[in-house]
Amino acid sequence: MTLPRDLIAASSTPMVLSILNQGESYGYEIIQKVKSLSDSEMLWADGMLYPILHRLEKKGFIESFWGVADTGRKRKYYRLKPAGLSELSEQRENWRKVNSILGGFENNN
């Protein structure tokens, strides 16, 4: 079963923040982590990820910086800022609430 696009879009911010909470990362690596952690249920493309990263950076939740990969090539990395950690906590709580509400509907059937 493929997850609906609107659910993938709604969950993208907390997923990116969660990944960056584990340490700095770069675009391709973030895409691969999402694919791996979702057992290939979520397949993100560059065109989806980079607007999210730019929006999170503009809001002050993450910051980007240039680094050098093991291959010697320059690569843009992203890391979580304190405001991003706070946002992640809020996003996780919101998802817990939604999950709890959905569970309540299931128990009423």
PDB file of N, CA and C in Angstrom:
ATOM      1  N   MET A   1       0.841  -1.179   0.000  1.00  0.00           N
ATOM      2  CA  MET A   1       0.000   0.000   0.000  1.00  0.00           C
ATOM      3  C   MET A   1       0.892   1.251   0.000  1.00  0.00           C
ATOM      4  N   THR A   2       0.585   2.177  -0.858  1.00  0.00           N
ATOM      5  CA  THR A   2       1.318   3.432  -0.922  1.00  0.00           C
ATOM      6  C   THR A   2       0.595   4.464  -0.071  1.00  0.00           C
ATOM      7  N   LEU A   3       1.346   5.196   0.703  1.00  0.00           N
ATOM      8  CA  LEU A   3       0.746   6.234   1.549  1.00  0.00           C
ATOM      9  C   LEU A   3       0.269   7.397   0.701  1.00  0.00           C
ATOM     10  N   PRO A   4      -0.859   8.005   1.060  1.00  0.00           N
ATOM     11  CA  PRO A   4      -1.370   9.158   0.307  1.00  0.00           C
ATOM     12  C   PRO A   4      -0.405  10.344   0.377  1.00  0.00           C
ATOM     13  N   ARG A   5      -0.356  11.103  -0.704  1.00  0.00           N
ATOM     14  CA  ARG A   5       0.552  12.236  -0.801  1.00  0.00           C
ATOM     15  C   ARG A   5       0.311  13.274   0.296  1.00  0.00           C
ATOM     16  N   ASP A   6      -0.963  13.503   0.638  1.00  0.00           N
ATOM     17  CA  ASP A   6      -1.241  14.512   1.649  1.00  0.00           C
ATOM     18  C   ASP A   6      -0.733  14.088   3.030  1.00  0.00           C
ATOM     19  N   LEU A   7      -0.743  12.800   3.315  1.00  0.00           N
ATOM     20  CA  LEU A   7      -0.208  12.305   4.584  1.00  0.00           C
ATOM     21  C   LEU A   7       1.314  12.419   4.599  1.00  0.00           C
ATOM     22  N   ILE A   8       1.931  12.111   3.476  1.00  0.00           N
ATOM     23  CA  ILE A   8       3.386  12.249   3.358  1.00  0.00           C
ATOM     24  C   ILE A   8       3.779  13.713   3.543  1.00  0.00           C
ATOM     25  N   ALA A   9       3.048  14.614   2.903  1.00  0.00           N
ATOM     26  CA  ALA A   9       3.345  16.045   3.015  1.00  0.00           C
ATOM     27  C   ALA A   9       3.160  16.534   4.449  1.00  0.00           C
ATOM     28  N   ALA A  10       2.090  16.093   5.099  1.00  0.00           N
ATOM     29  CA  ALA A  10       1.814  16.542   6.469  1.00  0.00           C
ATOM     30  C   ALA A  10       2.864  16.043   7.458  1.00  0.00           C
ATOM     31  N   SER A  11       3.455  14.902   7.177  1.00  0.00           N
ATOM     32  CA  SER A  11       4.424  14.324   8.104  1.00  0.00           C
ATOM     33  C   SER A  11       5.867  14.717   7.788  1.00  0.00           C
ATOM     34  N   SER A  12       6.083  15.450   6.722  1.00  0.00           N
ATOM     35  CA  SER A  12       7.450  15.744   6.276  1.00  0.00           C
ATOM     36  C   SER A  12       8.226  16.612   7.267  1.00  0.00           C
ATOM     37  N   THR A  13       7.594  17.621   7.840  1.00  0.00           N
ATOM     38  CA  THR A  13       8.308  18.494   8.779  1.00  0.00           C
ATOM     39  C   THR A  13       8.788  17.734  10.009  1.00  0.00           C
ATOM     40  N   PRO A  14       7.915  17.003  10.712  1.00  0.00           N
ATOM     41  CA  PRO A  14       8.430  16.282  11.882  1.00  0.00           C
ATOM     42  C   PRO A  14       9.458  15.216  11.512  1.00  0.00           C
ATOM     43  N   MET A  15       9.352  14.642  10.330  1.00  0.00           N
ATOM     44  CA  MET A  15      10.347  13.639   9.931  1.00  0.00           C
ATOM     45  C   MET A  15      11.711  14.270   9.709  1.00  0.00           C
ATOM     46  N   VAL A  16      11.747  15.385   8.990  1.00  0.00           N
ATOM     47  CA  VAL A  16      13.027  16.053   8.746  1.00  0.00           C
ATOM     48  C   VAL A  16      13.628  16.521  10.069  1.00  0.00           C
ATOM     49  N   LEU A  17      12.816  17.113  10.926  1.00  0.00           N
ATOM     50  CA  LEU A  17      13.323  17.568  12.219  1.00  0.00           C
ATOM     51  C   LEU A  17      13.825  16.392  13.055  1.00  0.00           C
ATOM     52  N   SER A  18      13.131  15.258  12.999  1.00  0.00           N
ATOM     53  CA  SER A  18      13.560  14.069  13.745  1.00  0.00           C
ATOM     54  C   SER A  18      14.897  13.552  13.240  1.00  0.00           C
ATOM     55  N   ILE A  19      15.064  13.532  11.936  1.00  0.00           N
ATOM     56  CA  ILE A  19      16.333  13.078  11.358  1.00  0.00           C
ATOM     57  C   ILE A  19      17.463  14.003  11.777  1.00  0.00           C
ATOM     58  N   LEU A  20      17.222  15.309  11.697  1.00  0.00           N
ATOM     59  CA  LEU A  20      18.269  16.263  12.066  1.00  0.00           C
ATOM     60  C   LEU A  20      18.514  16.292  13.570  1.00  0.00           C
ATOM     61  N   ASN A  21      17.555  15.834  14.352  1.00  0.00           N
ATOM     62  CA  ASN A  21      17.756  15.721  15.797  1.00  0.00           C
ATOM     63  C   ASN A  21      18.798  14.642  16.112  1.00  0.00           C
ATOM     64  N   GLN A  22      19.001  13.718  15.186  1.00  0.00           N
ATOM     65  CA  GLN A  22      20.003  12.661  15.358  1.00  0.00           C
ATOM     66  C   GLN A  22      21.397  13.129  14.951  1.00  0.00           C
ATOM     67  N   GLY A  23      21.466  14.277  14.285  1.00  0.00           N
ATOM     68  CA  GLY A  23      22.755  14.806  13.856  1.00  0.00           C
ATOM     69  C   GLY A  23      22.640  15.486  12.509  1.00  0.00           C
ATOM     70  N   GLU A  24      23.650  16.249  12.175  1.00  0.00           N
ATOM     71  CA  GLU A  24      23.623  16.967  10.903  1.00  0.00           C
ATOM     72  C   GLU A  24      23.564  15.979   9.742  1.00  0.00           C
ATOM     73  N   SER A  25      22.972  16.452   8.639  1.00  0.00           N
ATOM     74  CA  SER A  25      22.793  15.583   7.484  1.00  0.00           C
ATOM     75  C   SER A  25      22.691  16.443   6.229  1.00  0.00           C
ATOM     76  N   TYR A  26      22.692  15.792   5.090  1.00  0.00           N
ATOM     77  CA  TYR A  26      22.556  16.486   3.811  1.00  0.00           C
ATOM     78  C   TYR A  26      21.381  15.873   3.052  1.00  0.00           C
ATOM     79  N   GLY A  27      20.944  16.546   1.998  1.00  0.00           N
ATOM     80  CA  GLY A  27      19.718  16.187   1.304  1.00  0.00           C
ATOM     81  C   GLY A  27      19.580  14.729   0.917  1.00  0.00           C
ATOM     82  N   TYR A  28      20.533  14.223   0.168  1.00  0.00           N
ATOM     83  CA  TYR A  28      20.434  12.831  -0.296  1.00  0.00           C
ATOM     84  C   TYR A  28      20.366  11.865   0.880  1.00  0.00           C
ATOM     85  N   GLU A  29      21.138  12.128   1.907  1.00  0.00           N
ATOM     86  CA  GLU A  29      21.132  11.246   3.079  1.00  0.00           C
ATOM     87  C   GLU A  29      19.775  11.281   3.785  1.00  0.00           C
ATOM     88  N   ILE A  30      19.158  12.450   3.864  1.00  0.00           N
ATOM     89  CA  ILE A  30      17.827  12.565   4.469  1.00  0.00           C
ATOM     90  C   ILE A  30      16.818  11.744   3.670  1.00  0.00           C
ATOM     91  N   ILE A  31      16.871  11.870   2.347  1.00  0.00           N
ATOM     92  CA  ILE A  31      15.969  11.108   1.483  1.00  0.00           C
ATOM     93  C   ILE A  31      16.152   9.605   1.703  1.00  0.00           C
ATOM     94  N   GLN A  32      17.387   9.164   1.812  1.00  0.00           N
ATOM     95  CA  GLN A  32      17.663   7.744   2.017  1.00  0.00           C
ATOM     96  C   GLN A  32      17.205   7.266   3.395  1.00  0.00           C
ATOM     97  N   LYS A  33      17.335   8.112   4.411  1.00  0.00           N
ATOM     98  CA  LYS A  33      16.875   7.733   5.755  1.00  0.00           C
ATOM     99  C   LYS A  33      15.364   7.577   5.784  1.00  0.00           C
ATOM    100  N   VAL A  34      14.660   8.489   5.131  1.00  0.00           N
ATOM    101  CA  VAL A  34      13.195   8.389   5.076  1.00  0.00           C
ATOM    102  C   VAL A  34      12.798   7.094   4.373  1.00  0.00           C
ATOM    103  N   LYS A  35      13.443   6.809   3.273  1.00  0.00           N
ATOM    104  CA  LYS A  35      13.152   5.577   2.521  1.00  0.00           C
ATOM    105  C   LYS A  35      13.403   4.350   3.391  1.00  0.00           C
ATOM    106  N   SER A  36      14.539   4.320   4.060  1.00  0.00           N
ATOM    107  CA  SER A  36      14.902   3.178   4.891  1.00  0.00           C
ATOM    108  C   SER A  36      13.966   3.024   6.087  1.00  0.00           C
ATOM    109  N   LEU A  37      13.746   4.104   6.815  1.00  0.00           N
ATOM    110  CA  LEU A  37      12.917   4.030   8.023  1.00  0.00           C
ATOM    111  C   LEU A  37      11.452   3.729   7.727  1.00  0.00           C
ATOM    112  N   SER A  38      11.013   4.060   6.508  1.00  0.00           N
ATOM    113  CA  SER A  38       9.621   3.798   6.135  1.00  0.00           C
ATOM    114  C   SER A  38       9.470   2.488   5.357  1.00  0.00           C
ATOM    115  N   ASP A  39      10.525   1.698   5.292  1.00  0.00           N
ATOM    116  CA  ASP A  39      10.506   0.464   4.498  1.00  0.00           C
ATOM    117  C   ASP A  39      10.030   0.738   3.070  1.00  0.00           C
ATOM    118  N   SER A  40      10.523   1.830   2.507  1.00  0.00           N
ATOM    119  CA  SER A  40      10.223   2.268   1.132  1.00  0.00           C
ATOM    120  C   SER A  40       8.766   2.665   0.917  1.00  0.00           C
ATOM    121  N   GLU A  41       8.037   2.925   1.998  1.00  0.00           N
ATOM    122  CA  GLU A  41       6.662   3.416   1.872  1.00  0.00           C
ATOM    123  C   GLU A  41       6.648   4.892   1.476  1.00  0.00           C
ATOM    124  N   MET A  42       7.702   5.605   1.847  1.00  0.00           N
ATOM    125  CA  MET A  42       7.820   7.021   1.525  1.00  0.00           C
ATOM    126  C   MET A  42       9.062   7.211   0.663  1.00  0.00           C
ATOM    127  N   LEU A  43       8.840   7.584  -0.564  1.00  0.00           N
ATOM    128  CA  LEU A  43       9.939   7.808  -1.491  1.00  0.00           C
ATOM    129  C   LEU A  43       9.945   9.289  -1.849  1.00  0.00           C
ATOM    130  N   TRP A  44      10.832  10.015  -1.235  1.00  0.00           N
ATOM    131  CA  TRP A  44      10.932  11.452  -1.477  1.00  0.00           C
ATOM    132  C   TRP A  44      11.880  11.728  -2.623  1.00  0.00           C
ATOM    133  N   ALA A  45      11.602  12.817  -3.317  1.00  0.00           N
ATOM    134  CA  ALA A  45      12.480  13.289  -4.384  1.00  0.00           C
ATOM    135  C   ALA A  45      13.097  14.613  -3.942  1.00  0.00           C
ATOM    136  N   ASP A  46      14.177  15.001  -4.606  1.00  0.00           N
ATOM    137  CA  ASP A  46      14.819  16.287  -4.301  1.00  0.00           C
ATOM    138  C   ASP A  46      13.806  17.426  -4.353  1.00  0.00           C
ATOM    139  N   GLY A  47      12.919  17.367  -5.345  1.00  0.00           N
ATOM    140  CA  GLY A  47      11.939  18.432  -5.533  1.00  0.00           C
ATOM    141  C   GLY A  47      10.970  18.573  -4.381  1.00  0.00           C
ATOM    142  N   MET A  48      10.836  17.554  -3.577  1.00  0.00           N
ATOM    143  CA  MET A  48       9.976  17.644  -2.401  1.00  0.00           C
ATOM    144  C   MET A  48      10.774  18.091  -1.182  1.00  0.00           C
ATOM    145  N   LEU A  49      11.976  17.559  -1.029  1.00  0.00           N
ATOM    146  CA  LEU A  49      12.752  17.818   0.180  1.00  0.00           C
ATOM    147  C   LEU A  49      13.281  19.243   0.274  1.00  0.00           C
ATOM    148  N   TYR A  50      13.873  19.743  -0.786  1.00  0.00           N
ATOM    149  CA  TYR A  50      14.554  21.032  -0.677  1.00  0.00           C
ATOM    150  C   TYR A  50      13.626  22.196  -0.344  1.00  0.00           C
ATOM    151  N   PRO A  51      12.397  22.253  -0.864  1.00  0.00           N
ATOM    152  CA  PRO A  51      11.490  23.316  -0.392  1.00  0.00           C
ATOM    153  C   PRO A  51      11.194  23.214   1.115  1.00  0.00           C
ATOM    154  N   ILE A  52      11.115  21.992   1.624  1.00  0.00           N
ATOM    155  CA  ILE A  52      10.887  21.798   3.062  1.00  0.00           C
ATOM    156  C   ILE A  52      12.089  22.312   3.841  1.00  0.00           C
ATOM    157  N   LEU A  53      13.287  21.943   3.422  1.00  0.00           N
ATOM    158  CA  LEU A  53      14.497  22.411   4.100  1.00  0.00           C
ATOM    159  C   LEU A  53      14.592  23.933   4.074  1.00  0.00           C
ATOM    160  N   HIS A  54      14.285  24.540   2.942  1.00  0.00           N
ATOM    161  CA  HIS A  54      14.363  26.000   2.826  1.00  0.00           C
ATOM    162  C   HIS A  54      13.331  26.664   3.739  1.00  0.00           C
ATOM    163  N   ARG A  55      12.121  26.085   3.802  1.00  0.00           N
ATOM    164  CA  ARG A  55      11.075  26.642   4.669  1.00  0.00           C
ATOM    165  C   ARG A  55      11.478  26.530   6.142  1.00  0.00           C
ATOM    166  N   LEU A  56      12.031  25.377   6.530  1.00  0.00           N
ATOM    167  CA  LEU A  56      12.457  25.190   7.918  1.00  0.00           C
ATOM    168  C   LEU A  56      13.613  26.124   8.274  1.00  0.00           C
ATOM    169  N   GLU A  57      14.476  26.367   7.320  1.00  0.00           N
ATOM    170  CA  GLU A  57      15.594  27.287   7.557  1.00  0.00           C
ATOM    171  C   GLU A  57      15.080  28.723   7.693  1.00  0.00           C
ATOM    172  N   LYS A  58      14.143  29.093   6.851  1.00  0.00           N
ATOM    173  CA  LYS A  58      13.563  30.444   6.906  1.00  0.00           C
ATOM    174  C   LYS A  58      12.846  30.685   8.243  1.00  0.00           C
ATOM    175  N   LYS A  59      12.225  29.645   8.783  1.00  0.00           N
ATOM    176  CA  LYS A  59      11.530  29.760  10.067  1.00  0.00           C
ATOM    177  C   LYS A  59      12.484  29.720  11.258  1.00  0.00           C
ATOM    178  N   GLY A  60      13.763  29.452  10.996  1.00  0.00           N
ATOM    179  CA  GLY A  60      14.749  29.430  12.072  1.00  0.00           C
ATOM    180  C   GLY A  60      14.843  28.112  12.821  1.00  0.00           C
ATOM    181  N   PHE A  61      14.279  27.042  12.252  1.00  0.00           N
ATOM    182  CA  PHE A  61      14.306  25.738  12.907  1.00  0.00           C
ATOM    183  C   PHE A  61      15.582  24.961  12.604  1.00  0.00           C
ATOM    184  N   ILE A  62      16.157  25.209  11.438  1.00  0.00           N
ATOM    185  CA  ILE A  62      17.393  24.534  11.049  1.00  0.00           C
ATOM    186  C   ILE A  62      18.348  25.566  10.447  1.00  0.00           C
ATOM    187  N   GLU A  63      19.597  25.166  10.300  1.00  0.00           N
ATOM    188  CA  GLU A  63      20.560  26.015   9.611  1.00  0.00           C
ATOM    189  C   GLU A  63      21.372  25.152   8.657  1.00  0.00           C
ATOM    190  N   SER A  64      21.848  25.785   7.605  1.00  0.00           N
ATOM    191  CA  SER A  64      22.660  25.060   6.632  1.00  0.00           C
ATOM    192  C   SER A  64      24.086  25.587   6.672  1.00  0.00           C
ATOM    193  N   PHE A  65      25.001  24.736   6.232  1.00  0.00           N
ATOM    194  CA  PHE A  65      26.401  25.139   6.149  1.00  0.00           C
ATOM    195  C   PHE A  65      27.081  24.236   5.124  1.00  0.00           C
ATOM    196  N   TRP A  66      28.146  24.733   4.557  1.00  0.00           N
ATOM    197  CA  TRP A  66      28.898  23.964   3.579  1.00  0.00           C
ATOM    198  C   TRP A  66      29.972  23.156   4.277  1.00  0.00           C
ATOM    199  N   GLY A  67      30.087  21.920   3.879  1.00  0.00           N
ATOM    200  CA  GLY A  67      31.117  21.042   4.397  1.00  0.00           C
ATOM    201  C   GLY A  67      31.725  20.256   3.253  1.00  0.00           C
ATOM    202  N   VAL A  68      32.701  19.449   3.572  1.00  0.00           N
ATOM    203  CA  VAL A  68      33.373  18.635   2.562  1.00  0.00           C
ATOM    204  C   VAL A  68      33.085  17.167   2.862  1.00  0.00           C
ATOM    205  N   ALA A  69      32.586  16.474   1.862  1.00  0.00           N
ATOM    206  CA  ALA A  69      32.279  15.047   2.004  1.00  0.00           C
ATOM    207  C   ALA A  69      33.568  14.240   2.012  1.00  0.00           C
ATOM    208  N   ASP A  70      33.460  12.965   2.368  1.00  0.00           N
ATOM    209  CA  ASP A  70      34.619  12.067   2.360  1.00  0.00           C
ATOM    210  C   ASP A  70      35.271  11.998   0.982  1.00  0.00           C
ATOM    211  N   THR A  71      34.468  12.249  -0.038  1.00  0.00           N
ATOM    212  CA  THR A  71      34.977  12.209  -1.413  1.00  0.00           C
ATOM    213  C   THR A  71      35.741  13.467  -1.790  1.00  0.00           C
ATOM    214  N   GLY A  72      35.696  14.477  -0.913  1.00  0.00           N
ATOM    215  CA  GLY A  72      36.378  15.733  -1.189  1.00  0.00           C
ATOM    216  C   GLY A  72      35.483  16.773  -1.839  1.00  0.00           C
ATOM    217  N   ARG A  73      34.264  16.405  -2.183  1.00  0.00           N
ATOM    218  CA  ARG A  73      33.331  17.344  -2.809  1.00  0.00           C
ATOM    219  C   ARG A  73      32.642  18.192  -1.749  1.00  0.00           C
ATOM    220  N   LYS A  74      32.320  19.441  -2.126  1.00  0.00           N
ATOM    221  CA  LYS A  74      31.553  20.301  -1.221  1.00  0.00           C
ATOM    222  C   LYS A  74      30.114  19.808  -1.165  1.00  0.00           C
ATOM    223  N   ARG A  75      29.537  19.900   0.019  1.00  0.00           N
ATOM    224  CA  ARG A  75      28.175  19.429   0.222  1.00  0.00           C
ATOM    225  C   ARG A  75      27.497  20.350   1.228  1.00  0.00           C
ATOM    226  N   LYS A  76      26.221  20.636   0.999  1.00  0.00           N
ATOM    227  CA  LYS A  76      25.458  21.468   1.922  1.00  0.00           C
ATOM    228  C   LYS A  76      24.823  20.580   2.987  1.00  0.00           C
ATOM    229  N   TYR A  77      25.149  20.873   4.235  1.00  0.00           N
ATOM    230  CA  TYR A  77      24.627  20.130   5.373  1.00  0.00           C
ATOM    231  C   TYR A  77      23.581  20.971   6.105  1.00  0.00           C
ATOM    232  N   TYR A  78      22.746  20.282   6.846  1.00  0.00           N
ATOM    233  CA  TYR A  78      21.705  20.929   7.649  1.00  0.00           C
ATOM    234  C   TYR A  78      21.796  20.405   9.076  1.00  0.00           C
ATOM    235  N   ARG A  79      21.505  21.286  10.024  1.00  0.00           N
ATOM    236  CA  ARG A  79      21.468  20.865  11.426  1.00  0.00           C
ATOM    237  C   ARG A  79      20.334  21.586  12.135  1.00  0.00           C
ATOM    238  N   LEU A  80      19.886  20.966  13.199  1.00  0.00           N
ATOM    239  CA  LEU A  80      18.785  21.466  14.002  1.00  0.00           C
ATOM    240  C   LEU A  80      19.243  22.607  14.900  1.00  0.00           C
ATOM    241  N   LYS A  81      18.413  23.632  15.005  1.00  0.00           N
ATOM    242  CA  LYS A  81      18.668  24.732  15.930  1.00  0.00           C
ATOM    243  C   LYS A  81      17.761  24.535  17.154  1.00  0.00           C
ATOM    244  N   PRO A  82      18.016  25.241  18.249  1.00  0.00           N
ATOM    245  CA  PRO A  82      17.159  25.083  19.436  1.00  0.00           C
ATOM    246  C   PRO A  82      15.669  25.287  19.141  1.00  0.00           C
ATOM    247  N   ALA A  83      15.345  26.243  18.285  1.00  0.00           N
ATOM    248  CA  ALA A  83      13.933  26.464  17.931  1.00  0.00           C
ATOM    249  C   ALA A  83      13.365  25.249  17.203  1.00  0.00           C
ATOM    250  N   GLY A  84      14.204  24.558  16.450  1.00  0.00           N
ATOM    251  CA  GLY A  84      13.773  23.353  15.748  1.00  0.00           C
ATOM    252  C   GLY A  84      13.490  22.211  16.694  1.00  0.00           C
ATOM    253  N   LEU A  85      14.266  22.118  17.739  1.00  0.00           N
ATOM    254  CA  LEU A  85      14.034  21.087  18.744  1.00  0.00           C
ATOM    255  C   LEU A  85      12.702  21.321  19.442  1.00  0.00           C
ATOM    256  N   SER A  86      12.416  22.572  19.729  1.00  0.00           N
ATOM    257  CA  SER A  86      11.134  22.934  20.333  1.00  0.00           C
ATOM    258  C   SER A  86       9.977  22.622  19.381  1.00  0.00           C
ATOM    259  N   GLU A  87      10.160  22.951  18.110  1.00  0.00           N
ATOM    260  CA  GLU A  87       9.131  22.657  17.104  1.00  0.00           C
ATOM    261  C   GLU A  87       8.929  21.155  16.959  1.00  0.00           C
ATOM    262  N   LEU A  88      10.001  20.390  16.992  1.00  0.00           N
ATOM    263  CA  LEU A  88       9.895  18.934  16.903  1.00  0.00           C
ATOM    264  C   LEU A  88       9.070  18.387  18.059  1.00  0.00           C
ATOM    265  N   SER A  89       9.314  18.878  19.245  1.00  0.00           N
ATOM    266  CA  SER A  89       8.562  18.439  20.413  1.00  0.00           C
ATOM    267  C   SER A  89       7.065  18.738  20.236  1.00  0.00           C
ATOM    268  N   GLU A  90       6.759  19.923  19.743  1.00  0.00           N
ATOM    269  CA  GLU A  90       5.362  20.309  19.507  1.00  0.00           C
ATOM    270  C   GLU A  90       4.736  19.444  18.417  1.00  0.00           C
ATOM    271  N   GLN A  91       5.473  19.201  17.345  1.00  0.00           N
ATOM    272  CA  GLN A  91       4.960  18.373  16.240  1.00  0.00           C
ATOM    273  C   GLN A  91       4.687  16.948  16.719  1.00  0.00           C
ATOM    274  N   ARG A  92       5.594  16.400  17.501  1.00  0.00           N
ATOM    275  CA  ARG A  92       5.397  15.037  18.018  1.00  0.00           C
ATOM    276  C   ARG A  92       4.151  14.958  18.890  1.00  0.00           C
ATOM    277  N   GLU A  93       3.962  15.958  19.722  1.00  0.00           N
ATOM    278  CA  GLU A  93       2.768  15.982  20.584  1.00  0.00           C
ATOM    279  C   GLU A  93       1.502  16.074  19.740  1.00  0.00           C
ATOM    280  N   ASN A  94       1.523  16.879  18.695  1.00  0.00           N
ATOM    281  CA  ASN A  94       0.363  16.985  17.806  1.00  0.00           C
ATOM    282  C   ASN A  94       0.044  15.649  17.149  1.00  0.00           C
ATOM    283  N   TRP A  95       1.080  14.936  16.698  1.00  0.00           N
ATOM    284  CA  TRP A  95       0.858  13.632  16.076  1.00  0.00           C
ATOM    285  C   TRP A  95       0.340  12.620  17.094  1.00  0.00           C
ATOM    286  N   ARG A  96       0.816  12.695  18.331  1.00  0.00           N
ATOM    287  CA  ARG A  96       0.292  11.803  19.381  1.00  0.00           C
ATOM    288  C   ARG A  96      -1.198  12.057  19.602  1.00  0.00           C
ATOM    289  N   LYS A  97      -1.575  13.329  19.614  1.00  0.00           N
ATOM    290  CA  LYS A  97      -2.989  13.674  19.806  1.00  0.00           C
ATOM    291  C   LYS A  97      -3.837  13.136  18.675  1.00  0.00           C
ATOM    292  N   VAL A  98      -3.397  13.337  17.450  1.00  0.00           N
ATOM    293  CA  VAL A  98      -4.150  12.840  16.295  1.00  0.00           C
ATOM    294  C   VAL A  98      -4.270  11.324  16.352  1.00  0.00           C
ATOM    295  N   ASN A  99      -3.176  10.643  16.675  1.00  0.00           N
ATOM    296  CA  ASN A  99      -3.197   9.190  16.783  1.00  0.00           C
ATOM    297  C   ASN A  99      -4.171   8.734  17.869  1.00  0.00           C
ATOM    298  N   SER A 100      -4.179   9.435  18.973  1.00  0.00           N
ATOM    299  CA  SER A 100      -5.081   9.093  20.060  1.00  0.00           C
ATOM    300  C   SER A 100      -6.541   9.300  19.654  1.00  0.00           C
ATOM    301  N   ILE A 101      -6.810  10.384  18.962  1.00  0.00           N
ATOM    302  CA  ILE A 101      -8.176  10.650  18.501  1.00  0.00           C
ATOM    303  C   ILE A 101      -8.624   9.582  17.525  1.00  0.00           C
ATOM    304  N   LEU A 102      -7.744   9.232  16.569  1.00  0.00           N
ATOM    305  CA  LEU A 102      -8.084   8.180  15.613  1.00  0.00           C
ATOM    306  C   LEU A 102      -8.329   6.845  16.319  1.00  0.00           C
ATOM    307  N   GLY A 103      -7.519   6.552  17.330  1.00  0.00           N
ATOM    308  CA  GLY A 103      -7.702   5.331  18.106  1.00  0.00           C
ATOM    309  C   GLY A 103      -9.048   5.324  18.820  1.00  0.00           C
ATOM    310  N   GLY A 104      -9.479   6.487  19.283  1.00  0.00           N
ATOM    311  CA  GLY A 104     -10.779   6.588  19.936  1.00  0.00           C
ATOM    312  C   GLY A 104     -11.927   6.270  19.005  1.00  0.00           C
ATOM    313  N   PHE A 105     -11.799   6.696  17.750  1.00  0.00           N
ATOM    314  CA  PHE A 105     -12.842   6.372  16.774  1.00  0.00           C
ATOM    315  C   PHE A 105     -12.879   4.866  16.496  1.00  0.00           C
ATOM    316  N   GLU A 106     -11.703   4.257  16.451  1.00  0.00           N
ATOM    317  CA  GLU A 106     -11.631   2.823  16.196  1.00  0.00           C
ATOM    318  C   GLU A 106     -12.283   2.041  17.328  1.00  0.00           C
ATOM    319  N   ASN A 107     -12.098   2.488  18.546  1.00  0.00           N
ATOM    320  CA  ASN A 107     -12.666   1.785  19.702  1.00  0.00           C
ATOM    321  C   ASN A 107     -14.164   1.964  19.821  1.00  0.00           C
ATOM    322  N   ASN A 108     -14.724   2.981  19.130  1.00  0.00           N
ATOM    323  CA  ASN A 108     -16.166   3.229  19.187  1.00  0.00           C
ATOM    324  C   ASN A 108     -16.948   2.434  18.153  1.00  0.00           C
ATOM    325  N   ASN A 109     -16.268   1.710  17.296  1.00  0.00           N
ATOM    326  CA  ASN A 109     -16.971   0.939  16.253  1.00  0.00           C
ATOM    327  C   ASN A 109     -17.319  -0.438  16.717  1.00  0.00           C
TER     328      ASN A 109
END
